[in-house]
Amino acid sequence: GDVVAIPPLLAPPRSHLHVGAFTDCRVGVLRPKTLVQDVVGLGFGHFRDALTLTSARWWQLLVRHSAFMEQSLQERIVLGLLDLGAKVGVPDGRKKGLSLDLTHQDLAHLVIGSRAKVSASLARLARQDAIAQEGRTRIVIDPIKLRAIARL
């Protein structure tokens, strides 16, 4: 049958798998380590490292874009800011937040929106104290307030 458990082997493991059966069938569950070592014949640590190097970025991109399809622009902006903050944000000493050097146009490209609408959404987030805009390219995010807005 199909092996559907490869994406959860990637870090961070996250799966939204929904299965429906139209005929009588059996479902088997194998631990990832057993699958890789006994079925594939590789050491689990080496397999996971190779998978992370080759597939993890593509998988994250696929997950982000598939999640974005269901979200409003505001939600995509919040998710994009949280994602960037986790990856490249620098702790901001004056506030309990993360600092990002990012133009509104760059963010618009990331979240598939227009610069004008992204700027309006960022202004709304600033009024909610979830972000602070400093100059033309610095955005300080408050991850806790952004997660609350996104209901994460």
N, C-alpha and C. Protein backbone atom coordinates (compact mmCIF):
# COMPACT_ATOMS: atom_id res chain seq x y z
N GLY A 1 0.82 -1.19 0.00
CA GLY A 1 0.00 0.00 0.00
C GLY A 1 0.86 1.25 0.00
N ASP A 2 0.23 2.38 0.17
CA ASP A 2 0.93 3.66 0.17
C ASP A 2 1.61 3.90 1.51
N VAL A 3 2.76 4.54 1.45
CA VAL A 3 3.46 4.98 2.66
C VAL A 3 3.17 6.47 2.79
N VAL A 4 2.39 6.83 3.80
CA VAL A 4 1.96 8.22 3.93
C VAL A 4 2.66 8.94 5.07
N ALA A 5 3.63 8.33 5.70
CA ALA A 5 4.19 8.91 6.92
C ALA A 5 5.51 9.62 6.72
N ILE A 6 5.94 9.85 5.48
CA ILE A 6 7.24 10.50 5.29
C ILE A 6 7.24 11.94 5.80
N PRO A 7 6.26 12.79 5.50
CA PRO A 7 6.32 14.17 6.00
C PRO A 7 6.46 14.30 7.52
N PRO A 8 5.80 13.46 8.35
CA PRO A 8 6.01 13.61 9.79
C PRO A 8 7.43 13.29 10.25
N LEU A 9 8.25 12.66 9.39
CA LEU A 9 9.63 12.41 9.76
C LEU A 9 10.45 13.68 9.70
N LEU A 10 9.93 14.70 9.02
CA LEU A 10 10.66 15.96 8.89
C LEU A 10 10.42 16.80 10.13
N ALA A 11 11.40 17.65 10.46
CA ALA A 11 11.26 18.53 11.62
C ALA A 11 10.63 19.83 11.17
N PRO A 12 9.73 20.45 11.86
CA PRO A 12 9.00 19.91 12.99
C PRO A 12 7.89 18.97 12.51
N PRO A 13 7.68 17.85 13.19
CA PRO A 13 6.67 16.92 12.73
C PRO A 13 5.27 17.50 12.89
N ARG A 14 4.56 17.57 11.79
CA ARG A 14 3.20 18.09 11.82
C ARG A 14 2.45 17.44 10.67
N SER A 15 1.30 16.87 10.96
CA SER A 15 0.56 16.20 9.91
C SER A 15 -0.92 16.48 10.08
N HIS A 16 -1.59 16.71 8.98
CA HIS A 16 -3.03 16.92 8.96
C HIS A 16 -3.63 15.85 8.07
N LEU A 17 -3.41 14.60 8.42
CA LEU A 17 -3.82 13.49 7.59
C LEU A 17 -5.25 13.09 7.91
N HIS A 18 -6.09 13.04 6.91
CA HIS A 18 -7.46 12.56 7.04
C HIS A 18 -7.62 11.42 6.04
N VAL A 19 -8.09 10.28 6.52
CA VAL A 19 -8.20 9.11 5.67
C VAL A 19 -9.65 8.65 5.66
N GLY A 20 -10.13 8.30 4.49
CA GLY A 20 -11.45 7.72 4.35
C GLY A 20 -11.35 6.45 3.54
N ALA A 21 -12.11 5.42 3.92
CA ALA A 21 -12.07 4.15 3.20
C ALA A 21 -13.42 3.91 2.55
N PHE A 22 -13.38 3.45 1.31
CA PHE A 22 -14.60 3.15 0.59
C PHE A 22 -14.83 1.64 0.49
N THR A 23 -13.84 0.87 0.90
CA THR A 23 -13.95 -0.59 0.92
C THR A 23 -13.39 -1.10 2.24
N ASP A 24 -13.63 -2.38 2.52
CA ASP A 24 -13.04 -2.99 3.71
C ASP A 24 -11.53 -2.99 3.53
N CYS A 25 -10.81 -2.58 4.55
CA CYS A 25 -9.36 -2.54 4.46
C CYS A 25 -8.75 -2.66 5.84
N ARG A 26 -7.46 -2.91 5.86
CA ARG A 26 -6.71 -2.95 7.11
C ARG A 26 -5.70 -1.82 7.09
N VAL A 27 -5.53 -1.22 8.23
CA VAL A 27 -4.56 -0.15 8.35
C VAL A 27 -3.48 -0.61 9.32
N GLY A 28 -2.26 -0.49 8.89
CA GLY A 28 -1.15 -0.85 9.76
C GLY A 28 -0.38 0.39 10.15
N VAL A 29 0.15 0.38 11.34
CA VAL A 29 0.92 1.51 11.82
C VAL A 29 2.31 1.01 12.21
N LEU A 30 3.31 1.63 11.64
CA LEU A 30 4.70 1.33 11.98
C LEU A 30 5.33 2.56 12.58
N ARG A 31 6.19 2.35 13.56
CA ARG A 31 6.97 3.47 14.07
C ARG A 31 7.95 3.89 12.98
N PRO A 32 8.25 5.20 12.87
CA PRO A 32 9.17 5.66 11.81
C PRO A 32 10.51 4.93 11.83
N LYS A 33 11.04 4.69 13.02
CA LYS A 33 12.34 4.02 13.13
C LYS A 33 12.27 2.61 12.53
N THR A 34 11.19 1.90 12.83
CA THR A 34 11.02 0.55 12.28
C THR A 34 10.89 0.59 10.77
N LEU A 35 10.10 1.52 10.26
CA LEU A 35 9.93 1.65 8.81
C LEU A 35 11.26 1.87 8.12
N VAL A 36 12.04 2.80 8.62
CA VAL A 36 13.29 3.15 7.96
C VAL A 36 14.32 2.05 8.10
N GLN A 37 14.49 1.52 9.29
CA GLN A 37 15.55 0.52 9.51
C GLN A 37 15.21 -0.84 8.90
N ASP A 38 13.99 -1.31 9.11
CA ASP A 38 13.64 -2.65 8.65
C ASP A 38 13.15 -2.71 7.21
N VAL A 39 12.39 -1.71 6.79
CA VAL A 39 11.84 -1.75 5.43
C VAL A 39 12.79 -1.11 4.43
N VAL A 40 13.31 0.06 4.74
CA VAL A 40 14.19 0.76 3.81
C VAL A 40 15.63 0.27 3.94
N GLY A 41 16.03 -0.16 5.14
CA GLY A 41 17.36 -0.70 5.35
C GLY A 41 18.42 0.34 5.64
N LEU A 42 18.05 1.46 6.19
CA LEU A 42 19.01 2.52 6.53
C LEU A 42 18.96 2.82 8.02
N GLY A 43 20.05 3.36 8.54
CA GLY A 43 20.03 3.84 9.92
C GLY A 43 19.11 5.04 10.02
N PHE A 44 18.30 5.08 11.07
CA PHE A 44 17.28 6.13 11.18
C PHE A 44 17.89 7.53 11.26
N GLY A 45 18.96 7.70 12.01
CA GLY A 45 19.59 9.02 12.14
C GLY A 45 20.10 9.54 10.81
N HIS A 46 20.77 8.68 10.04
CA HIS A 46 21.27 9.08 8.72
C HIS A 46 20.13 9.40 7.76
N PHE A 47 19.08 8.58 7.81
CA PHE A 47 17.93 8.80 6.94
C PHE A 47 17.27 10.14 7.24
N ARG A 48 17.06 10.41 8.53
CA ARG A 48 16.40 11.66 8.93
C ARG A 48 17.26 12.87 8.54
N ASP A 49 18.58 12.79 8.74
CA ASP A 49 19.46 13.88 8.34
C ASP A 49 19.39 14.13 6.83
N ALA A 50 19.42 13.04 6.05
CA ALA A 50 19.35 13.17 4.59
C ALA A 50 18.00 13.74 4.16
N LEU A 51 16.93 13.29 4.80
CA LEU A 51 15.60 13.79 4.47
C LEU A 51 15.47 15.27 4.81
N THR A 52 16.03 15.67 5.94
CA THR A 52 16.00 17.08 6.34
C THR A 52 16.75 17.94 5.33
N LEU A 53 17.91 17.47 4.88
CA LEU A 53 18.70 18.24 3.91
C LEU A 53 18.03 18.33 2.55
N THR A 54 17.35 17.27 2.14
CA THR A 54 16.81 17.24 0.78
C THR A 54 15.36 17.66 0.66
N SER A 55 14.55 17.35 1.66
CA SER A 55 13.10 17.55 1.50
C SER A 55 12.46 18.53 2.47
N ALA A 56 13.13 18.85 3.57
CA ALA A 56 12.48 19.65 4.61
C ALA A 56 12.05 21.02 4.12
N ARG A 57 12.91 21.72 3.40
CA ARG A 57 12.56 23.07 2.92
C ARG A 57 11.39 23.03 1.94
N TRP A 58 11.40 22.06 1.04
CA TRP A 58 10.30 21.95 0.09
C TRP A 58 9.00 21.61 0.80
N TRP A 59 9.07 20.74 1.80
CA TRP A 59 7.87 20.38 2.55
C TRP A 59 7.32 21.60 3.29
N GLN A 60 8.19 22.38 3.94
CA GLN A 60 7.75 23.58 4.65
C GLN A 60 7.10 24.57 3.68
N LEU A 61 7.68 24.71 2.50
CA LEU A 61 7.11 25.60 1.49
C LEU A 61 5.72 25.12 1.07
N LEU A 62 5.58 23.82 0.84
CA LEU A 62 4.29 23.26 0.46
C LEU A 62 3.25 23.46 1.56
N VAL A 63 3.64 23.20 2.80
CA VAL A 63 2.71 23.36 3.92
C VAL A 63 2.29 24.82 4.06
N ARG A 64 3.26 25.75 3.96
CA ARG A 64 2.94 27.17 4.10
C ARG A 64 1.98 27.62 3.01
N HIS A 65 2.26 27.26 1.77
CA HIS A 65 1.39 27.72 0.68
C HIS A 65 0.02 27.05 0.71
N SER A 66 -0.04 25.79 1.10
CA SER A 66 -1.36 25.14 1.20
C SER A 66 -2.16 25.74 2.35
N ALA A 67 -1.50 26.11 3.44
CA ALA A 67 -2.20 26.76 4.55
C ALA A 67 -2.65 28.15 4.16
N PHE A 68 -1.85 28.85 3.36
CA PHE A 68 -2.19 30.21 2.94
C PHE A 68 -3.44 30.24 2.07
N MET A 69 -3.73 29.18 1.36
CA MET A 69 -4.89 29.19 0.46
C MET A 69 -6.20 29.38 1.22
N GLU A 70 -6.25 28.93 2.46
CA GLU A 70 -7.47 29.01 3.25
C GLU A 70 -7.55 30.28 4.10
N GLN A 71 -6.51 31.08 4.13
CA GLN A 71 -6.42 32.20 5.05
C GLN A 71 -6.73 33.53 4.37
N SER A 72 -7.22 34.46 5.18
CA SER A 72 -7.40 35.83 4.70
C SER A 72 -6.03 36.50 4.62
N LEU A 73 -5.96 37.66 4.00
CA LEU A 73 -4.69 38.38 3.91
C LEU A 73 -4.14 38.69 5.29
N GLN A 74 -4.99 39.15 6.20
CA GLN A 74 -4.54 39.46 7.57
C GLN A 74 -3.94 38.23 8.23
N GLU A 75 -4.60 37.08 8.08
CA GLU A 75 -4.09 35.85 8.68
C GLU A 75 -2.77 35.43 8.04
N ARG A 76 -2.65 35.60 6.72
CA ARG A 76 -1.41 35.26 6.03
C ARG A 76 -0.27 36.16 6.51
N ILE A 77 -0.57 37.43 6.75
CA ILE A 77 0.46 38.35 7.25
C ILE A 77 0.92 37.93 8.64
N VAL A 78 -0.02 37.63 9.51
CA VAL A 78 0.33 37.21 10.87
C VAL A 78 1.17 35.94 10.83
N LEU A 79 0.74 34.95 10.04
CA LEU A 79 1.50 33.70 9.93
C LEU A 79 2.88 33.94 9.32
N GLY A 80 2.95 34.81 8.31
CA GLY A 80 4.24 35.14 7.70
C GLY A 80 5.18 35.82 8.68
N LEU A 81 4.66 36.76 9.46
CA LEU A 81 5.49 37.44 10.46
C LEU A 81 5.97 36.48 11.54
N LEU A 82 5.09 35.59 11.99
CA LEU A 82 5.50 34.60 13.00
C LEU A 82 6.56 33.66 12.44
N ASP A 83 6.39 33.23 11.20
CA ASP A 83 7.35 32.33 10.57
C ASP A 83 8.71 33.01 10.41
N LEU A 84 8.70 34.23 9.89
CA LEU A 84 9.95 34.97 9.73
C LEU A 84 10.60 35.27 11.08
N GLY A 85 9.78 35.64 12.06
CA GLY A 85 10.32 35.93 13.38
C GLY A 85 11.01 34.73 13.99
N ALA A 86 10.42 33.55 13.80
CA ALA A 86 11.02 32.33 14.34
C ALA A 86 12.32 31.98 13.63
N LYS A 87 12.42 32.32 12.34
CA LYS A 87 13.59 31.92 11.57
C LYS A 87 14.70 32.96 11.57
N VAL A 88 14.36 34.24 11.41
CA VAL A 88 15.40 35.26 11.25
C VAL A 88 15.23 36.46 12.17
N GLY A 89 14.26 36.40 13.07
CA GLY A 89 14.04 37.52 13.98
C GLY A 89 15.17 37.68 14.97
N VAL A 90 15.48 38.92 15.29
CA VAL A 90 16.53 39.24 16.25
C VAL A 90 15.85 39.79 17.51
N PRO A 91 16.19 39.27 18.69
CA PRO A 91 15.55 39.79 19.91
C PRO A 91 15.72 41.30 20.02
N ASP A 92 14.62 41.98 20.31
CA ASP A 92 14.64 43.43 20.45
C ASP A 92 14.78 43.75 21.93
N GLY A 93 15.84 44.43 22.30
CA GLY A 93 16.15 44.70 23.70
C GLY A 93 15.15 45.59 24.40
N ARG A 94 14.51 46.51 23.69
CA ARG A 94 13.60 47.45 24.33
C ARG A 94 12.22 46.85 24.59
N LYS A 95 11.85 45.89 23.77
CA LYS A 95 10.54 45.26 23.90
C LYS A 95 10.72 43.76 23.96
N LYS A 96 9.71 43.07 24.41
CA LYS A 96 9.78 41.61 24.41
C LYS A 96 9.29 41.12 23.06
N GLY A 97 10.08 41.39 22.04
CA GLY A 97 9.68 41.02 20.70
C GLY A 97 10.88 40.66 19.85
N LEU A 98 10.60 40.44 18.59
CA LEU A 98 11.64 40.11 17.62
C LEU A 98 11.65 41.16 16.54
N SER A 99 12.83 41.56 16.13
CA SER A 99 12.99 42.60 15.14
C SER A 99 13.26 41.97 13.78
N LEU A 100 12.56 42.47 12.76
CA LEU A 100 12.74 42.00 11.39
C LEU A 100 13.05 43.20 10.50
N ASP A 101 14.02 43.04 9.61
CA ASP A 101 14.27 44.04 8.59
C ASP A 101 13.55 43.58 7.34
N LEU A 102 12.44 44.25 7.04
CA LEU A 102 11.53 43.77 6.01
C LEU A 102 10.72 44.94 5.46
N THR A 103 10.69 45.08 4.16
CA THR A 103 9.85 46.12 3.57
C THR A 103 8.42 45.59 3.42
N HIS A 104 7.48 46.48 3.30
CA HIS A 104 6.09 46.08 3.08
C HIS A 104 5.96 45.33 1.76
N GLN A 105 6.77 45.73 0.76
CA GLN A 105 6.72 45.05 -0.54
C GLN A 105 7.23 43.61 -0.41
N ASP A 106 8.31 43.41 0.36
CA ASP A 106 8.83 42.05 0.58
C ASP A 106 7.77 41.18 1.25
N LEU A 107 7.11 41.72 2.26
CA LEU A 107 6.06 40.97 2.95
C LEU A 107 4.89 40.69 2.02
N ALA A 108 4.55 41.66 1.17
CA ALA A 108 3.47 41.46 0.20
C ALA A 108 3.78 40.30 -0.74
N HIS A 109 5.02 40.19 -1.19
CA HIS A 109 5.42 39.07 -2.04
C HIS A 109 5.29 37.75 -1.29
N LEU A 110 5.69 37.75 -0.03
CA LEU A 110 5.65 36.53 0.77
C LEU A 110 4.23 36.03 0.97
N VAL A 111 3.29 36.93 1.24
CA VAL A 111 1.93 36.52 1.59
C VAL A 111 0.95 36.61 0.42
N ILE A 112 1.48 36.90 -0.76
CA ILE A 112 0.69 36.98 -1.98
C ILE A 112 -0.42 38.03 -1.83
N GLY A 113 -0.01 39.26 -1.64
CA GLY A 113 -0.94 40.38 -1.51
C GLY A 113 -0.33 41.64 -2.09
N SER A 114 -1.12 42.69 -2.16
CA SER A 114 -0.59 43.95 -2.66
C SER A 114 0.09 44.71 -1.53
N ARG A 115 1.06 45.56 -1.89
CA ARG A 115 1.78 46.33 -0.89
C ARG A 115 0.84 47.24 -0.13
N ALA A 116 -0.12 47.85 -0.81
CA ALA A 116 -1.05 48.78 -0.15
C ALA A 116 -1.90 48.06 0.90
N LYS A 117 -2.42 46.89 0.56
CA LYS A 117 -3.26 46.15 1.51
C LYS A 117 -2.43 45.60 2.67
N VAL A 118 -1.20 45.19 2.38
CA VAL A 118 -0.30 44.73 3.44
C VAL A 118 0.00 45.88 4.40
N SER A 119 0.27 47.07 3.86
CA SER A 119 0.53 48.24 4.71
C SER A 119 -0.67 48.56 5.60
N ALA A 120 -1.88 48.47 5.04
CA ALA A 120 -3.09 48.73 5.83
C ALA A 120 -3.24 47.68 6.94
N SER A 121 -2.96 46.42 6.62
CA SER A 121 -3.05 45.36 7.63
C SER A 121 -1.99 45.54 8.72
N LEU A 122 -0.79 45.95 8.33
CA LEU A 122 0.26 46.20 9.32
C LEU A 122 -0.13 47.36 10.24
N ALA A 123 -0.79 48.37 9.69
CA ALA A 123 -1.25 49.49 10.51
C ALA A 123 -2.28 49.00 11.54
N ARG A 124 -3.18 48.08 11.12
CA ARG A 124 -4.15 47.51 12.07
C ARG A 124 -3.44 46.71 13.16
N LEU A 125 -2.44 45.94 12.78
CA LEU A 125 -1.69 45.17 13.78
C LEU A 125 -0.94 46.08 14.74
N ALA A 126 -0.45 47.22 14.22
CA ALA A 126 0.23 48.19 15.09
C ALA A 126 -0.75 48.79 16.09
N ARG A 127 -1.98 49.09 15.66
CA ARG A 127 -2.99 49.62 16.58
C ARG A 127 -3.36 48.60 17.65
N GLN A 128 -3.21 47.31 17.37
CA GLN A 128 -3.48 46.25 18.34
C GLN A 128 -2.25 45.94 19.19
N ASP A 129 -1.17 46.69 19.01
CA ASP A 129 0.10 46.50 19.72
C ASP A 129 0.72 45.13 19.48
N ALA A 130 0.42 44.51 18.35
CA ALA A 130 1.02 43.21 18.02
C ALA A 130 2.35 43.41 17.29
N ILE A 131 2.51 44.58 16.67
CA ILE A 131 3.77 44.93 16.01
C ILE A 131 4.06 46.40 16.27
N ALA A 132 5.29 46.78 16.03
CA ALA A 132 5.69 48.19 16.04
C ALA A 132 6.54 48.40 14.79
N GLN A 133 6.20 49.42 14.03
CA GLN A 133 6.97 49.73 12.83
C GLN A 133 7.94 50.85 13.14
N GLU A 134 9.20 50.60 12.82
CA GLU A 134 10.23 51.60 13.07
C GLU A 134 10.91 51.91 11.75
N GLY A 135 10.67 53.09 11.25
CA GLY A 135 11.24 53.46 9.96
C GLY A 135 10.55 52.73 8.83
N ARG A 136 11.24 52.65 7.70
CA ARG A 136 10.63 52.05 6.52
C ARG A 136 10.77 50.54 6.44
N THR A 137 11.76 49.98 7.14
CA THR A 137 12.01 48.55 6.95
C THR A 137 12.07 47.74 8.24
N ARG A 138 11.95 48.34 9.38
CA ARG A 138 12.06 47.59 10.63
C ARG A 138 10.67 47.35 11.21
N ILE A 139 10.39 46.09 11.48
CA ILE A 139 9.13 45.70 12.12
C ILE A 139 9.49 44.89 13.36
N VAL A 140 9.01 45.32 14.51
CA VAL A 140 9.21 44.58 15.75
C VAL A 140 7.89 43.88 16.05
N ILE A 141 7.96 42.55 16.12
CA ILE A 141 6.74 41.78 16.34
C ILE A 141 6.67 41.30 17.78
N ASP A 142 5.46 41.17 18.28
CA ASP A 142 5.20 40.56 19.59
C ASP A 142 4.58 39.19 19.30
N PRO A 143 5.40 38.13 19.33
CA PRO A 143 4.90 36.81 18.95
C PRO A 143 3.68 36.36 19.77
N ILE A 144 3.63 36.71 21.04
CA ILE A 144 2.52 36.29 21.89
C ILE A 144 1.22 36.91 21.41
N LYS A 145 1.24 38.22 21.13
CA LYS A 145 0.02 38.89 20.67
C LYS A 145 -0.36 38.43 19.25
N LEU A 146 0.64 38.19 18.40
CA LEU A 146 0.33 37.70 17.05
C LEU A 146 -0.30 36.31 17.11
N ARG A 147 0.21 35.43 17.99
CA ARG A 147 -0.38 34.11 18.13
C ARG A 147 -1.82 34.21 18.64
N ALA A 148 -2.07 35.15 19.54
CA ALA A 148 -3.42 35.34 20.05
C ALA A 148 -4.36 35.80 18.94
N ILE A 149 -3.87 36.70 18.09
CA ILE A 149 -4.68 37.18 16.97
C ILE A 149 -4.97 36.04 16.00
N ALA A 150 -3.97 35.19 15.77
CA ALA A 150 -4.13 34.06 14.84
C ALA A 150 -4.81 32.87 15.51
N ARG A 151 -5.07 32.97 16.80
CA ARG A 151 -5.68 31.89 17.58
C ARG A 151 -4.85 30.61 17.51
N LEU A 152 -3.53 30.77 17.68
CA LEU A 152 -2.62 29.60 17.66
C LEU A 152 -2.28 29.18 19.08
